[in-house]
Amino acid sequence: MKLSRPVSWFLLAFGVWSWFIWITFVKNLWKDGSGLAFDDAGDPTGYFWVHLLLAITSFLLGTAVGVIGLRGVRALRREARDGRDTRDARAEADRD
C-alpha cells in the first residue's frame, strides 16, 4: 500500500501530537490534587488507573500511527531520490 504525501505527513504529525498530549496528560494526572486520582492516604484510585491505562493505550496507538506516517514519508523521499537518479542516468546516456 502506498500512502500519499499529505496522508503520510498527517499520520506523522498525529503521532508527534500524541506524544505531546498524552505525556502532558500523565504528568497532570500524577500531580492531581483534587482527590480524583489519589485518595486521602495518597494511594491511586480507580480513576487514576483507568486514565493511566487510557493514556498508555493512546500513546502506543499514536506511536504506531506516527511510525506508519514516518515510513510513508521516508518511502516517498526514497522514491523521489531514485527517480532523480534514474532520470540523471538517462540524460547522461543520451548525451553520450
Protein backbone atom coordinates (compact mmCIF):
# COMPACT_ATOMS: atom_id res chain seq x y z
CA MET A 1 0.00 0.00 0.00
CA LYS A 2 1.30 3.42 -0.90
CA LEU A 3 0.42 6.48 1.18
CA SER A 4 0.15 9.91 -0.35
CA ARG A 5 2.40 12.71 0.87
CA PRO A 6 -0.37 14.59 2.75
CA VAL A 7 -1.59 11.41 4.45
CA SER A 8 1.94 10.43 5.46
CA TRP A 9 2.62 13.86 6.95
CA PHE A 10 -0.76 13.88 8.72
CA LEU A 11 -0.06 10.50 10.33
CA LEU A 12 3.41 11.60 11.38
CA ALA A 13 2.04 14.84 12.87
CA PHE A 14 -0.67 12.88 14.68
CA GLY A 15 1.99 10.63 16.22
CA VAL A 16 4.04 13.59 17.43
CA TRP A 17 0.88 15.26 18.77
CA SER A 18 0.01 12.07 20.66
CA TRP A 19 3.38 12.02 22.37
CA PHE A 20 2.99 15.64 23.47
CA ILE A 21 -0.65 15.39 24.57
CA TRP A 22 -0.55 12.08 26.42
CA ILE A 23 2.75 12.68 28.20
CA THR A 24 1.37 16.03 29.37
CA PHE A 25 -1.86 14.32 30.45
CA VAL A 26 0.00 11.73 32.55
CA LYS A 27 2.13 14.45 34.18
CA ASN A 28 -1.02 16.35 35.11
CA LEU A 29 -2.72 13.16 36.32
CA TRP A 30 0.28 12.37 38.50
CA LYS A 31 0.19 15.87 40.07
CA ASP A 32 -3.59 15.81 40.59
CA GLY A 33 -4.53 17.39 43.89
CA SER A 34 -8.30 17.30 43.50
CA GLY A 35 -8.72 13.91 45.15
CA LEU A 36 -9.80 12.14 41.98
CA ALA A 37 -6.53 10.40 41.16
CA PHE A 38 -5.33 9.76 44.72
CA ASP A 39 -7.25 9.15 47.92
CA ASP A 40 -6.53 10.82 51.27
CA ALA A 41 -3.81 8.27 52.05
CA GLY A 42 -2.07 9.07 48.75
CA ASP A 43 -2.94 5.76 47.11
CA PRO A 44 -4.04 5.70 43.46
CA THR A 45 -7.78 5.44 42.89
CA GLY A 46 -9.71 3.64 40.17
CA TYR A 47 -9.91 6.96 38.32
CA PHE A 48 -6.10 7.10 38.23
CA TRP A 49 -5.69 3.54 36.91
CA VAL A 50 -8.39 3.88 34.24
CA HIS A 51 -6.97 7.16 32.95
CA LEU A 52 -3.40 5.88 33.10
CA LEU A 53 -4.43 2.85 31.02
CA LEU A 54 -6.25 5.16 28.59
CA ALA A 55 -3.16 7.35 28.27
CA ILE A 56 -0.79 4.41 27.74
CA THR A 57 -3.07 2.87 25.12
CA SER A 58 -3.47 6.18 23.29
CA PHE A 59 0.27 6.80 23.49
CA LEU A 60 1.03 3.39 21.97
CA LEU A 61 -1.57 3.77 19.21
CA GLY A 62 -0.32 7.28 18.46
CA THR A 63 3.23 5.94 18.26
CA ALA A 64 2.15 3.21 15.82
CA VAL A 65 0.29 5.76 13.66
CA GLY A 66 3.32 8.07 13.73
CA VAL A 67 5.64 5.24 12.68
CA ILE A 68 3.36 4.44 9.73
CA GLY A 69 3.46 8.11 8.73
CA LEU A 70 7.25 8.24 9.08
CA ARG A 71 7.64 5.15 6.91
CA GLY A 72 5.37 6.75 4.31
CA VAL A 73 7.39 9.98 4.26
CA ARG A 74 10.66 8.07 4.01
CA ALA A 75 9.33 5.90 1.17
CA LEU A 76 8.19 8.96 -0.77
CA ARG A 77 11.59 10.62 -0.33
CA ARG A 78 13.38 7.44 -1.37
CA GLU A 79 11.11 7.14 -4.41
CA ALA A 80 11.78 10.76 -5.39
CA ARG A 81 15.53 10.28 -4.97
CA ASP A 82 15.55 7.07 -7.03
CA GLY A 83 13.50 8.78 -9.73
CA ARG A 84 16.05 11.61 -9.95
CA ASP A 85 18.93 9.11 -10.14
CA THR A 86 17.20 7.26 -12.99
CA ARG A 87 16.48 10.48 -14.89
CA ASP A 88 20.07 11.68 -14.41
CA ALA A 89 21.44 8.37 -15.71
CA ARG A 90 19.13 8.51 -18.78
CA ALA A 91 20.10 12.12 -19.52
CA GLU A 92 23.79 11.25 -19.27
CA ALA A 93 23.34 8.25 -21.57
CA ASP A 94 21.50 10.42 -24.11
CA ARG A 95 24.41 12.85 -24.17
CA ASP A 96 26.89 10.08 -24.97
